[in-house]
Amino acid sequence: MALKIIEIVAPTSEMAAIARIADSHDVVDWWRTSSFEDERFSTELVVRPDGQQEVLDDLQRILDRCDNARIMIYGVQATLPVAGESAGEEGAEDARTSEAMRSREELYAEVSSGGTITSTYLLLCALSAVVAAMGMLEDSAAVVIGAMVIAPLLAPNLALALGTTLGDTELSRRAISANFVGLGLSVGLALAIGLVIDPVTNSQLLDRTNVSYPAMILALASGAAAVLSLTSGAAAGLVGVMVAVALMPPAAALGLFVGWGQWDNAVSAGLMLAINIAAINLSAKLVFVLKGITPRQWPDKSRARRSLRWSFTFWGVSLLVLAVLIWVAKY
């Protein structure tokens, strides 16, 4: 059973409020420690995944009025006795909680780091661009897949989708910057390789020029799958998404074709890259909305609704324009 422990450290003046919150929700168990030296105390609540967001929202009202309060979330590997009266009840509980999503705070903590430009992010972009370019030059599918797995370009797109869903302007701005910098670095390195290596033609390169409606549908499905993997806690599923709708190979192909002066192929590779980015963001946002990922407070909710309207319009219109361009390119 995927139980969570929510620990809140707060001043002693909040003891009654926290007790009311614990008693008002269907928590599995809760307990309290003695006061610390700074006159704070700790309360730990064992909650089921499907109820933790409501508990967190109530507890955060204490953070709003206390400067020295803190909430922490821990995973529980196992608990004895089990949180049920019988094995049958435990199995039913597992079946119910297996579909429960992670809390807004857990998603934000994991996804927001993807919208940050760090030395590791830049190095991974550079290395994956070189690996992807070499794999396509050598017509090696295995090497290209390796570049897909190590490329970090999916993370800032998920961060952008979450940021616009929550109306978090700062996260959205950082994610956009990370996207531009990562893609710019990748395309630039591939372009430099194209300037020093003679042009080649093979299946790996031509695959990145084959824009089609099935490719758009694949990108939409993969963006949705990425968010479902995150919200369910099955982050290992993201590896499959990275391979299914990789951003690095078309970015590297774009740089190579520009370096070789093959402008028709460069336009096709750029179109495929744009389709993948737009589809990932649109479908990811849709899943975030359907999963009920919203801000906690009313002013943030109002800002999030405006952000949703603008971002859905932008990505929807972008995808429609790209679909028209696919039709023009084909016919």
C-alpha atoms as a PDB file:
ATOM      1  CA  MET A   1       0.000   0.000   0.000  1.00  0.00           C
ATOM      2  CA  ALA A   2       1.452   3.366  -1.076  1.00  0.00           C
ATOM      3  CA  LEU A   3       0.934   5.202   2.193  1.00  0.00           C
ATOM      4  CA  LYS A   4       2.579   8.551   2.900  1.00  0.00           C
ATOM      5  CA  ILE A   5       3.693  10.212   6.116  1.00  0.00           C
ATOM      6  CA  ILE A   6       3.040  13.949   6.329  1.00  0.00           C
ATOM      7  CA  GLU A   7       5.060  15.597   9.099  1.00  0.00           C
ATOM      8  CA  ILE A   8       4.338  19.142  10.191  1.00  0.00           C
ATOM      9  CA  VAL A   9       6.609  21.024  12.573  1.00  0.00           C
ATOM     10  CA  ALA A  10       4.748  23.999  14.058  1.00  0.00           C
ATOM     11  CA  PRO A  11       4.542  26.204  17.148  1.00  0.00           C
ATOM     12  CA  THR A  12       2.732  24.805  20.167  1.00  0.00           C
ATOM     13  CA  SER A  13      -0.057  27.336  19.579  1.00  0.00           C
ATOM     14  CA  GLU A  14      -1.136  25.251  16.575  1.00  0.00           C
ATOM     15  CA  MET A  15      -1.523  21.960  18.473  1.00  0.00           C
ATOM     16  CA  ALA A  16      -5.318  22.125  18.595  1.00  0.00           C
ATOM     17  CA  ALA A  17      -5.639  23.126  14.923  1.00  0.00           C
ATOM     18  CA  ILE A  18      -3.447  20.256  13.755  1.00  0.00           C
ATOM     19  CA  ALA A  19      -5.349  17.791  15.947  1.00  0.00           C
ATOM     20  CA  ARG A  20      -8.635  18.953  14.381  1.00  0.00           C
ATOM     21  CA  ILE A  21      -7.214  18.455  10.900  1.00  0.00           C
ATOM     22  CA  ALA A  22      -5.991  14.967  11.764  1.00  0.00           C
ATOM     23  CA  ASP A  23      -9.345  14.010  13.251  1.00  0.00           C
ATOM     24  CA  SER A  24     -11.398  15.476  10.406  1.00  0.00           C
ATOM     25  CA  HIS A  25      -9.705  13.400   7.697  1.00  0.00           C
ATOM     26  CA  ASP A  26      -9.658   9.652   7.187  1.00  0.00           C
ATOM     27  CA  VAL A  27      -5.993   9.258   8.155  1.00  0.00           C
ATOM     28  CA  VAL A  28      -4.634   5.814   8.964  1.00  0.00           C
ATOM     29  CA  ASP A  29      -2.896   7.013  12.137  1.00  0.00           C
ATOM     30  CA  TRP A  30      -1.235  10.067  13.650  1.00  0.00           C
ATOM     31  CA  TRP A  31       0.987  10.912  16.592  1.00  0.00           C
ATOM     32  CA  ARG A  32       2.808  13.844  18.151  1.00  0.00           C
ATOM     33  CA  THR A  33       6.267  14.339  19.624  1.00  0.00           C
ATOM     34  CA  SER A  34       7.208  16.496  22.577  1.00  0.00           C
ATOM     35  CA  SER A  35       8.171  20.122  22.060  1.00  0.00           C
ATOM     36  CA  PHE A  36      11.583  21.061  20.679  1.00  0.00           C
ATOM     37  CA  GLU A  37      13.927  23.568  22.276  1.00  0.00           C
ATOM     38  CA  ASP A  38      12.485  26.347  20.123  1.00  0.00           C
ATOM     39  CA  GLU A  39       8.975  25.559  21.442  1.00  0.00           C
ATOM     40  CA  ARG A  40       7.866  23.845  18.269  1.00  0.00           C
ATOM     41  CA  PHE A  41       6.505  20.313  18.113  1.00  0.00           C
ATOM     42  CA  SER A  42       6.160  17.655  15.412  1.00  0.00           C
ATOM     43  CA  THR A  43       3.013  15.855  14.311  1.00  0.00           C
ATOM     44  CA  GLU A  44       3.111  12.935  11.867  1.00  0.00           C
ATOM     45  CA  LEU A  45       0.070  11.742   9.941  1.00  0.00           C
ATOM     46  CA  VAL A  46      -0.104   8.466   7.996  1.00  0.00           C
ATOM     47  CA  VAL A  47      -2.366   9.119   5.003  1.00  0.00           C
ATOM     48  CA  ARG A  48      -3.560   7.242   1.956  1.00  0.00           C
ATOM     49  CA  PRO A  49      -2.559   8.673  -1.465  1.00  0.00           C
ATOM     50  CA  ASP A  50      -6.132   9.479  -2.407  1.00  0.00           C
ATOM     51  CA  GLY A  51      -6.563  11.694   0.648  1.00  0.00           C
ATOM     52  CA  GLN A  52      -3.201  13.365   1.062  1.00  0.00           C
ATOM     53  CA  GLN A  53      -3.942  16.439  -1.090  1.00  0.00           C
ATOM     54  CA  GLU A  54      -6.872  17.482   1.107  1.00  0.00           C
ATOM     55  CA  VAL A  55      -4.784  16.985   4.247  1.00  0.00           C
ATOM     56  CA  LEU A  56      -1.918  19.005   2.775  1.00  0.00           C
ATOM     57  CA  ASP A  57      -4.229  21.840   1.740  1.00  0.00           C
ATOM     58  CA  ASP A  58      -5.620  22.099   5.268  1.00  0.00           C
ATOM     59  CA  LEU A  59      -2.179  21.924   6.869  1.00  0.00           C
ATOM     60  CA  GLN A  60      -0.807  24.632   4.604  1.00  0.00           C
ATOM     61  CA  ARG A  61      -3.209  27.119   6.128  1.00  0.00           C
ATOM     62  CA  ILE A  62      -1.005  26.818   9.211  1.00  0.00           C
ATOM     63  CA  LEU A  63       2.030  27.688   7.078  1.00  0.00           C
ATOM     64  CA  ASP A  64       0.180  30.788   5.876  1.00  0.00           C
ATOM     65  CA  ARG A  65       0.029  32.188   9.398  1.00  0.00           C
ATOM     66  CA  CYS A  66       3.270  30.793  10.878  1.00  0.00           C
ATOM     67  CA  ASP A  67       6.742  31.810   9.769  1.00  0.00           C
ATOM     68  CA  ASN A  68       8.487  28.922  11.499  1.00  0.00           C
ATOM     69  CA  ALA A  69       6.266  26.001  10.463  1.00  0.00           C
ATOM     70  CA  ARG A  70       7.312  23.357   7.954  1.00  0.00           C
ATOM     71  CA  ILE A  71       5.687  20.385   6.178  1.00  0.00           C
ATOM     72  CA  MET A  72       7.582  17.321   4.948  1.00  0.00           C
ATOM     73  CA  ILE A  73       6.315  14.286   2.996  1.00  0.00           C
ATOM     74  CA  TYR A  74       7.783  10.789   3.263  1.00  0.00           C
ATOM     75  CA  GLY A  75       7.003   7.547   1.481  1.00  0.00           C
ATOM     76  CA  VAL A  76       6.156   4.398   3.449  1.00  0.00           C
ATOM     77  CA  GLN A  77       7.571   1.110   2.159  1.00  0.00           C
ATOM     78  CA  ALA A  78       5.449  -1.065   4.452  1.00  0.00           C
ATOM     79  CA  THR A  79       3.505  -0.907   7.696  1.00  0.00           C
ATOM     80  CA  LEU A  80       2.519  -3.546  10.243  1.00  0.00           C
ATOM     81  CA  PRO A  81      -0.209  -4.180  11.026  1.00  0.00           C
ATOM     82  CA  VAL A  82      -1.562  -3.493   7.577  1.00  0.00           C
ATOM     83  CA  ALA A  83      -4.003  -0.611   7.174  1.00  0.00           C
ATOM     84  CA  GLY A  84      -7.036  -2.856   6.877  1.00  0.00           C
ATOM     85  CA  GLU A  85      -8.914  -5.437   8.871  1.00  0.00           C
ATOM     86  CA  SER A  86      -8.209  -8.336   6.556  1.00  0.00           C
ATOM     87  CA  ALA A  87      -6.152  -9.424   3.588  1.00  0.00           C
ATOM     88  CA  GLY A  88      -9.186  -8.953   1.374  1.00  0.00           C
ATOM     89  CA  GLU A  89      -9.649  -5.403   2.587  1.00  0.00           C
ATOM     90  CA  GLU A  90      -5.960  -4.715   2.088  1.00  0.00           C
ATOM     91  CA  GLY A  91      -6.189  -5.928  -1.493  1.00  0.00           C
ATOM     92  CA  ALA A  92      -9.217  -3.747  -2.142  1.00  0.00           C
ATOM     93  CA  GLU A  93      -7.406  -0.796  -0.588  1.00  0.00           C
ATOM     94  CA  ASP A  94      -4.381  -1.441  -2.800  1.00  0.00           C
ATOM     95  CA  ALA A  95      -6.577  -1.569  -5.867  1.00  0.00           C
ATOM     96  CA  ARG A  96      -8.186   1.747  -4.935  1.00  0.00           C
ATOM     97  CA  THR A  97      -4.965   3.573  -4.056  1.00  0.00           C
ATOM     98  CA  SER A  98      -3.006   2.231  -7.028  1.00  0.00           C
ATOM     99  CA  GLU A  99      -4.905   4.754  -9.168  1.00  0.00           C
ATOM    100  CA  ALA A 100      -4.341   7.626  -6.737  1.00  0.00           C
ATOM    101  CA  MET A 101      -2.135  10.404  -7.948  1.00  0.00           C
ATOM    102  CA  ARG A 102       0.705  12.135  -6.220  1.00  0.00           C
ATOM    103  CA  SER A 103       0.082  15.435  -4.500  1.00  0.00           C
ATOM    104  CA  ARG A 104       0.532  18.791  -6.175  1.00  0.00           C
ATOM    105  CA  GLU A 105       3.517  19.509  -3.927  1.00  0.00           C
ATOM    106  CA  GLU A 106       5.288  16.249  -4.831  1.00  0.00           C
ATOM    107  CA  LEU A 107       4.781  16.863  -8.555  1.00  0.00           C
ATOM    108  CA  TYR A 108       6.046  20.425  -8.254  1.00  0.00           C
ATOM    109  CA  ALA A 109       9.141  19.340  -6.326  1.00  0.00           C
ATOM    110  CA  GLU A 110      10.043  16.796  -9.009  1.00  0.00           C
ATOM    111  CA  VAL A 111       9.082  18.679 -12.155  1.00  0.00           C
ATOM    112  CA  SER A 112      10.276  22.173 -11.235  1.00  0.00           C
ATOM    113  CA  SER A 113      13.927  21.103 -11.250  1.00  0.00           C
ATOM    114  CA  GLY A 114      13.545  20.337 -14.954  1.00  0.00           C
ATOM    115  CA  GLY A 115      13.008  24.015 -15.655  1.00  0.00           C
ATOM    116  CA  THR A 116      16.391  25.051 -14.291  1.00  0.00           C
ATOM    117  CA  ILE A 117      19.519  25.635 -16.366  1.00  0.00           C
ATOM    118  CA  THR A 118      22.391  23.893 -14.593  1.00  0.00           C
ATOM    119  CA  SER A 119      25.832  22.740 -15.646  1.00  0.00           C
ATOM    120  CA  THR A 120      24.571  19.138 -15.616  1.00  0.00           C
ATOM    121  CA  TYR A 121      21.638  20.059 -17.864  1.00  0.00           C
ATOM    122  CA  LEU A 122      23.913  21.821 -20.352  1.00  0.00           C
ATOM    123  CA  LEU A 123      26.426  18.977 -20.327  1.00  0.00           C
ATOM    124  CA  LEU A 124      23.709  16.375 -20.930  1.00  0.00           C
ATOM    125  CA  CYS A 125      22.312  18.450 -23.794  1.00  0.00           C
ATOM    126  CA  ALA A 126      25.757  18.726 -25.368  1.00  0.00           C
ATOM    127  CA  LEU A 127      26.623  15.048 -24.916  1.00  0.00           C
ATOM    128  CA  SER A 128      23.262  13.783 -26.152  1.00  0.00           C
ATOM    129  CA  ALA A 129      23.458  16.086 -29.195  1.00  0.00           C
ATOM    130  CA  VAL A 130      26.894  14.707 -30.093  1.00  0.00           C
ATOM    131  CA  VAL A 131      25.746  11.124 -29.529  1.00  0.00           C
ATOM    132  CA  ALA A 132      22.584  11.651 -31.595  1.00  0.00           C
ATOM    133  CA  ALA A 133      24.533  13.270 -34.429  1.00  0.00           C
ATOM    134  CA  MET A 134      27.130  10.495 -34.470  1.00  0.00           C
ATOM    135  CA  GLY A 135      24.425   7.842 -34.323  1.00  0.00           C
ATOM    136  CA  MET A 136      22.626   9.312 -37.315  1.00  0.00           C
ATOM    137  CA  LEU A 137      25.870   9.761 -39.236  1.00  0.00           C
ATOM    138  CA  GLU A 138      26.733   6.096 -38.596  1.00  0.00           C
ATOM    139  CA  ASP A 139      23.123   4.988 -39.255  1.00  0.00           C
ATOM    140  CA  SER A 140      23.040   3.311 -35.834  1.00  0.00           C
ATOM    141  CA  ALA A 141      19.595   3.031 -34.267  1.00  0.00           C
ATOM    142  CA  ALA A 142      21.075   1.814 -30.969  1.00  0.00           C
ATOM    143  CA  VAL A 143      23.274   4.896 -30.608  1.00  0.00           C
ATOM    144  CA  VAL A 144      20.373   7.227 -31.455  1.00  0.00           C
ATOM    145  CA  ILE A 145      18.195   5.513 -28.837  1.00  0.00           C
ATOM    146  CA  GLY A 146      20.997   6.014 -26.314  1.00  0.00           C
ATOM    147  CA  ALA A 147      20.970   9.731 -27.112  1.00  0.00           C
ATOM    148  CA  MET A 148      17.200   9.806 -26.602  1.00  0.00           C
ATOM    149  CA  VAL A 149      17.511   8.296 -23.134  1.00  0.00           C
ATOM    150  CA  ILE A 150      20.201  10.668 -21.838  1.00  0.00           C
ATOM    151  CA  ALA A 151      18.725  13.808 -23.425  1.00  0.00           C
ATOM    152  CA  PRO A 152      17.119  16.078 -20.775  1.00  0.00           C
ATOM    153  CA  LEU A 153      14.846  18.043 -23.117  1.00  0.00           C
ATOM    154  CA  LEU A 154      11.606  16.402 -21.999  1.00  0.00           C
ATOM    155  CA  ALA A 155      11.964  17.789 -18.458  1.00  0.00           C
ATOM    156  CA  PRO A 156      11.676  21.535 -19.264  1.00  0.00           C
ATOM    157  CA  ASN A 157       8.615  20.865 -21.420  1.00  0.00           C
ATOM    158  CA  LEU A 158       6.889  19.070 -18.550  1.00  0.00           C
ATOM    159  CA  ALA A 159       7.923  21.930 -16.247  1.00  0.00           C
ATOM    160  CA  LEU A 160       6.418  24.411 -18.707  1.00  0.00           C
ATOM    161  CA  ALA A 161       3.169  22.427 -18.867  1.00  0.00           C
ATOM    162  CA  LEU A 162       2.928  22.321 -15.063  1.00  0.00           C
ATOM    163  CA  GLY A 163       3.896  25.980 -14.695  1.00  0.00           C
ATOM    164  CA  THR A 164       1.184  27.181 -17.081  1.00  0.00           C
ATOM    165  CA  THR A 165      -1.340  24.825 -15.476  1.00  0.00           C
ATOM    166  CA  LEU A 166      -0.677  26.319 -12.033  1.00  0.00           C
ATOM    167  CA  GLY A 167      -0.239  29.861 -13.327  1.00  0.00           C
ATOM    168  CA  ASP A 168       3.318  29.852 -11.962  1.00  0.00           C
ATOM    169  CA  THR A 169       4.949  32.588 -14.021  1.00  0.00           C
ATOM    170  CA  GLU A 170       8.427  32.040 -12.576  1.00  0.00           C
ATOM    171  CA  LEU A 171       8.443  28.295 -13.308  1.00  0.00           C
ATOM    172  CA  SER A 172       7.096  28.894 -16.812  1.00  0.00           C
ATOM    173  CA  ARG A 173       9.746  31.515 -17.517  1.00  0.00           C
ATOM    174  CA  ARG A 174      12.548  29.254 -16.286  1.00  0.00           C
ATOM    175  CA  ALA A 175      11.201  26.322 -18.318  1.00  0.00           C
ATOM    176  CA  ILE A 176      11.025  28.405 -21.508  1.00  0.00           C
ATOM    177  CA  SER A 177      14.599  29.588 -20.962  1.00  0.00           C
ATOM    178  CA  ALA A 178      15.782  26.017 -20.356  1.00  0.00           C
ATOM    179  CA  ASN A 179      14.026  24.885 -23.538  1.00  0.00           C
ATOM    180  CA  PHE A 180      15.580  27.604 -25.692  1.00  0.00           C
ATOM    181  CA  VAL A 181      19.057  27.178 -24.235  1.00  0.00           C
ATOM    182  CA  GLY A 182      18.990  23.372 -24.441  1.00  0.00           C
ATOM    183  CA  LEU A 183      17.652  23.289 -27.989  1.00  0.00           C
ATOM    184  CA  GLY A 184      19.948  26.097 -29.101  1.00  0.00           C
ATOM    185  CA  LEU A 185      22.997  24.319 -27.712  1.00  0.00           C
ATOM    186  CA  SER A 186      21.968  21.013 -29.287  1.00  0.00           C
ATOM    187  CA  VAL A 187      21.257  22.446 -32.724  1.00  0.00           C
ATOM    188  CA  GLY A 188      24.424  24.560 -32.600  1.00  0.00           C
ATOM    189  CA  LEU A 189      26.674  21.599 -31.786  1.00  0.00           C
ATOM    190  CA  ALA A 190      25.074  19.489 -34.512  1.00  0.00           C
ATOM    191  CA  LEU A 191      25.516  22.372 -36.960  1.00  0.00           C
ATOM    192  CA  ALA A 192      29.219  22.569 -36.071  1.00  0.00           C
ATOM    193  CA  ILE A 193      29.550  18.823 -36.699  1.00  0.00           C
ATOM    194  CA  GLY A 194      27.790  19.239 -40.051  1.00  0.00           C
ATOM    195  CA  LEU A 195      30.272  21.920 -41.079  1.00  0.00           C
ATOM    196  CA  VAL A 196      33.276  19.622 -40.596  1.00  0.00           C
ATOM    197  CA  ILE A 197      31.830  16.272 -41.735  1.00  0.00           C
ATOM    198  CA  ASP A 198      30.758  15.534 -45.304  1.00  0.00           C
ATOM    199  CA  PRO A 199      27.040  15.023 -45.945  1.00  0.00           C
ATOM    200  CA  VAL A 200      25.635  11.501 -45.769  1.00  0.00           C
ATOM    201  CA  THR A 201      22.243   9.979 -46.522  1.00  0.00           C
ATOM    202  CA  ASN A 202      20.803   7.098 -44.538  1.00  0.00           C
ATOM    203  CA  SER A 203      17.603   5.885 -42.893  1.00  0.00           C
ATOM    204  CA  GLN A 204      18.278   7.480 -39.502  1.00  0.00           C
ATOM    205  CA  LEU A 205      18.597  10.942 -41.008  1.00  0.00           C
ATOM    206  CA  LEU A 206      15.686  10.521 -43.419  1.00  0.00           C
ATOM    207  CA  ASP A 207      13.438   9.332 -40.579  1.00  0.00           C
ATOM    208  CA  ARG A 208      13.803  12.808 -39.037  1.00  0.00           C
ATOM    209  CA  THR A 209      12.393  14.396 -42.204  1.00  0.00           C
ATOM    210  CA  ASN A 210       9.325  12.148 -42.412  1.00  0.00           C
ATOM    211  CA  VAL A 211       6.705  14.420 -40.858  1.00  0.00           C
ATOM    212  CA  SER A 212       3.216  12.950 -40.782  1.00  0.00           C
ATOM    213  CA  TYR A 213      -0.054  12.934 -38.880  1.00  0.00           C
ATOM    214  CA  PRO A 214       0.789   9.613 -37.164  1.00  0.00           C
ATOM    215  CA  ALA A 215       3.930  11.301 -35.799  1.00  0.00           C
ATOM    216  CA  MET A 216       1.738  14.078 -34.370  1.00  0.00           C
ATOM    217  CA  ILE A 217      -0.604  11.552 -32.762  1.00  0.00           C
ATOM    218  CA  LEU A 218       2.402   9.714 -31.293  1.00  0.00           C
ATOM    219  CA  ALA A 219       3.687  12.940 -29.768  1.00  0.00           C
ATOM    220  CA  LEU A 220       0.276  13.718 -28.257  1.00  0.00           C
ATOM    221  CA  ALA A 221      -0.009  10.250 -26.743  1.00  0.00           C
ATOM    222  CA  SER A 222       3.542  10.350 -25.410  1.00  0.00           C
ATOM    223  CA  GLY A 223       3.065  13.719 -23.721  1.00  0.00           C
ATOM    224  CA  ALA A 224      -0.002  12.357 -21.964  1.00  0.00           C
ATOM    225  CA  ALA A 225       1.883   9.206 -20.987  1.00  0.00           C
ATOM    226  CA  ALA A 226       4.699  11.283 -19.499  1.00  0.00           C
ATOM    227  CA  VAL A 227       2.336  13.116 -17.155  1.00  0.00           C
ATOM    228  CA  LEU A 228       0.488   9.928 -16.228  1.00  0.00           C
ATOM    229  CA  SER A 229       3.836   8.371 -15.314  1.00  0.00           C
ATOM    230  CA  LEU A 230       4.657  11.348 -13.105  1.00  0.00           C
ATOM    231  CA  THR A 231       1.289  11.582 -11.382  1.00  0.00           C
ATOM    232  CA  SER A 232       1.234   7.860 -10.614  1.00  0.00           C
ATOM    233  CA  GLY A 233       4.806   7.853  -9.314  1.00  0.00           C
ATOM    234  CA  ALA A 234       5.955   5.461 -12.057  1.00  0.00           C
ATOM    235  CA  ALA A 235       8.829   7.675 -13.198  1.00  0.00           C
ATOM    236  CA  ALA A 236      10.528   4.684 -14.849  1.00  0.00           C
ATOM    237  CA  GLY A 237       7.867   4.931 -17.556  1.00  0.00           C
ATOM    238  CA  LEU A 238       9.414   8.224 -18.644  1.00  0.00           C
ATOM    239  CA  VAL A 239      12.283   6.316 -20.265  1.00  0.00           C
ATOM    240  CA  GLY A 240       9.833   4.813 -22.733  1.00  0.00           C
ATOM    241  CA  VAL A 241       8.353   8.239 -23.405  1.00  0.00           C
ATOM    242  CA  MET A 242      11.805   9.682 -24.084  1.00  0.00           C
ATOM    243  CA  VAL A 243      12.374   7.019 -26.739  1.00  0.00           C
ATOM    244  CA  ALA A 244       8.866   7.273 -28.215  1.00  0.00           C
ATOM    245  CA  VAL A 245       8.852  11.033 -28.777  1.00  0.00           C
ATOM    246  CA  ALA A 246      12.455  12.152 -28.529  1.00  0.00           C
ATOM    247  CA  LEU A 247      13.299  15.797 -29.117  1.00  0.00           C
ATOM    248  CA  MET A 248      17.038  15.406 -29.494  1.00  0.00           C
ATOM    249  CA  PRO A 249      17.249  13.452 -32.810  1.00  0.00           C
ATOM    250  CA  PRO A 250      15.224  15.980 -34.836  1.00  0.00           C
ATOM    251  CA  ALA A 251      17.133  18.824 -33.180  1.00  0.00           C
ATOM    252  CA  ALA A 252      20.454  17.219 -34.076  1.00  0.00           C
ATOM    253  CA  ALA A 253      19.227  16.421 -37.584  1.00  0.00           C
ATOM    254  CA  LEU A 254      18.169  20.052 -37.993  1.00  0.00           C
ATOM    255  CA  GLY A 255      21.676  21.210 -37.099  1.00  0.00           C
ATOM    256  CA  LEU A 256      23.332  18.698 -39.431  1.00  0.00           C
ATOM    257  CA  PHE A 257      21.123  19.612 -42.391  1.00  0.00           C
ATOM    258  CA  VAL A 258      21.720  23.329 -41.852  1.00  0.00           C
ATOM    259  CA  GLY A 259      25.461  22.677 -41.675  1.00  0.00           C
ATOM    260  CA  TRP A 260      25.261  20.824 -44.984  1.00  0.00           C
ATOM    261  CA  GLY A 261      23.057  23.456 -46.591  1.00  0.00           C
ATOM    262  CA  GLN A 262      20.230  20.942 -47.175  1.00  0.00           C
ATOM    263  CA  TRP A 263      17.447  23.395 -46.507  1.00  0.00           C
ATOM    264  CA  ASP A 264      14.476  21.223 -47.514  1.00  0.00           C
ATOM    265  CA  ASN A 265      15.541  18.505 -45.096  1.00  0.00           C
ATOM    266  CA  ALA A 266      16.298  21.109 -42.421  1.00  0.00           C
ATOM    267  CA  VAL A 267      12.754  22.508 -42.702  1.00  0.00           C
ATOM    268  CA  SER A 268      11.282  19.005 -42.373  1.00  0.00           C
ATOM    269  CA  ALA A 269      13.410  18.198 -39.313  1.00  0.00           C
ATOM    270  CA  GLY A 270      12.504  21.550 -37.769  1.00  0.00           C
ATOM    271  CA  LEU A 271       8.830  20.884 -38.454  1.00  0.00           C
ATOM    272  CA  MET A 272       9.056  17.502 -36.711  1.00  0.00           C
ATOM    273  CA  LEU A 273      10.772  19.117 -33.730  1.00  0.00           C
ATOM    274  CA  ALA A 274       8.085  21.807 -33.497  1.00  0.00           C
ATOM    275  CA  ILE A 275       5.303  19.189 -33.734  1.00  0.00           C
ATOM    276  CA  ASN A 276       6.806  17.174 -30.887  1.00  0.00           C
ATOM    277  CA  ILE A 277       7.186  20.235 -28.633  1.00  0.00           C
ATOM    278  CA  ALA A 278       3.660  21.519 -29.280  1.00  0.00           C
ATOM    279  CA  ALA A 279       2.042  18.094 -28.911  1.00  0.00           C
ATOM    280  CA  ILE A 280       3.893  17.264 -25.692  1.00  0.00           C
ATOM    281  CA  ASN A 281       2.906  20.549 -24.070  1.00  0.00           C
ATOM    282  CA  LEU A 282      -0.729  20.397 -25.187  1.00  0.00           C
ATOM    283  CA  SER A 283      -1.368  16.809 -24.100  1.00  0.00           C
ATOM    284  CA  ALA A 284       0.627  17.200 -20.875  1.00  0.00           C
ATOM    285  CA  LYS A 285      -1.427  20.245 -19.892  1.00  0.00           C
ATOM    286  CA  LEU A 286      -4.648  18.405 -20.698  1.00  0.00           C
ATOM    287  CA  VAL A 287      -3.727  15.500 -18.415  1.00  0.00           C
ATOM    288  CA  PHE A 288      -2.685  17.872 -15.606  1.00  0.00           C
ATOM    289  CA  VAL A 289      -6.113  19.539 -15.861  1.00  0.00           C
ATOM    290  CA  LEU A 290      -8.017  16.237 -16.006  1.00  0.00           C
ATOM    291  CA  LYS A 291      -6.086  15.034 -12.959  1.00  0.00           C
ATOM    292  CA  GLY A 292      -7.263  18.089 -11.044  1.00  0.00           C
ATOM    293  CA  ILE A 293      -3.836  19.712 -10.566  1.00  0.00           C
ATOM    294  CA  THR A 294      -4.781  23.239  -9.494  1.00  0.00           C
ATOM    295  CA  PRO A 295      -3.369  25.896  -7.146  1.00  0.00           C
ATOM    296  CA  ARG A 296      -4.552  25.909  -3.532  1.00  0.00           C
ATOM    297  CA  GLN A 297      -5.522  29.550  -3.050  1.00  0.00           C
ATOM    298  CA  TRP A 298      -8.144  31.566  -4.892  1.00  0.00           C
ATOM    299  CA  PRO A 299      -5.880  34.337  -6.316  1.00  0.00           C
ATOM    300  CA  ASP A 300      -3.590  31.638  -7.717  1.00  0.00           C
ATOM    301  CA  LYS A 301      -6.583  29.754  -9.148  1.00  0.00           C
ATOM    302  CA  SER A 302      -7.730  32.867 -10.979  1.00  0.00           C
ATOM    303  CA  ARG A 303      -4.265  33.423 -12.449  1.00  0.00           C
ATOM    304  CA  ALA A 304      -4.042  29.734 -13.379  1.00  0.00           C
ATOM    305  CA  ARG A 305      -7.307  29.901 -15.330  1.00  0.00           C
ATOM    306  CA  ARG A 306      -6.018  32.819 -17.392  1.00  0.00           C
ATOM    307  CA  SER A 307      -2.747  31.001 -17.966  1.00  0.00           C
ATOM    308  CA  LEU A 308      -4.625  27.870 -19.050  1.00  0.00           C
ATOM    309  CA  ARG A 309      -6.718  29.764 -21.590  1.00  0.00           C
ATOM    310  CA  TRP A 310      -3.726  31.449 -23.158  1.00  0.00           C
ATOM    311  CA  SER A 311      -1.489  28.372 -23.197  1.00  0.00           C
ATOM    312  CA  PHE A 312      -4.203  26.037 -24.530  1.00  0.00           C
ATOM    313  CA  THR A 313      -4.932  28.577 -27.252  1.00  0.00           C
ATOM    314  CA  PHE A 314      -1.252  29.001 -28.114  1.00  0.00           C
ATOM    315  CA  TRP A 315      -0.411  25.290 -28.299  1.00  0.00           C
ATOM    316  CA  GLY A 316      -3.718  24.392 -29.956  1.00  0.00           C
ATOM    317  CA  VAL A 317      -3.290  27.000 -32.684  1.00  0.00           C
ATOM    318  CA  SER A 318       0.374  26.025 -33.085  1.00  0.00           C
ATOM    319  CA  LEU A 319      -0.546  22.378 -33.571  1.00  0.00           C
ATOM    320  CA  LEU A 320      -3.283  23.335 -36.045  1.00  0.00           C
ATOM    321  CA  VAL A 321      -0.830  25.429 -38.063  1.00  0.00           C
ATOM    322  CA  LEU A 322       1.695  22.582 -38.008  1.00  0.00           C
ATOM    323  CA  ALA A 323      -1.000  20.159 -39.182  1.00  0.00           C
ATOM    324  CA  VAL A 324      -1.700  22.458 -42.148  1.00  0.00           C
ATOM    325  CA  LEU A 325       2.017  22.596 -42.909  1.00  0.00           C
ATOM    326  CA  ILE A 326       2.153  18.797 -42.909  1.00  0.00           C
ATOM    327  CA  TRP A 327      -0.678  18.760 -45.452  1.00  0.00           C
ATOM    328  CA  VAL A 328       1.114  21.362 -47.583  1.00  0.00           C
ATOM    329  CA  ALA A 329       4.377  19.388 -47.416  1.00  0.00           C
ATOM    330  CA  LYS A 330       2.660  16.164 -48.421  1.00  0.00           C
ATOM    331  CA  TYR A 331       0.468  17.557 -51.188  1.00  0.00           C
END
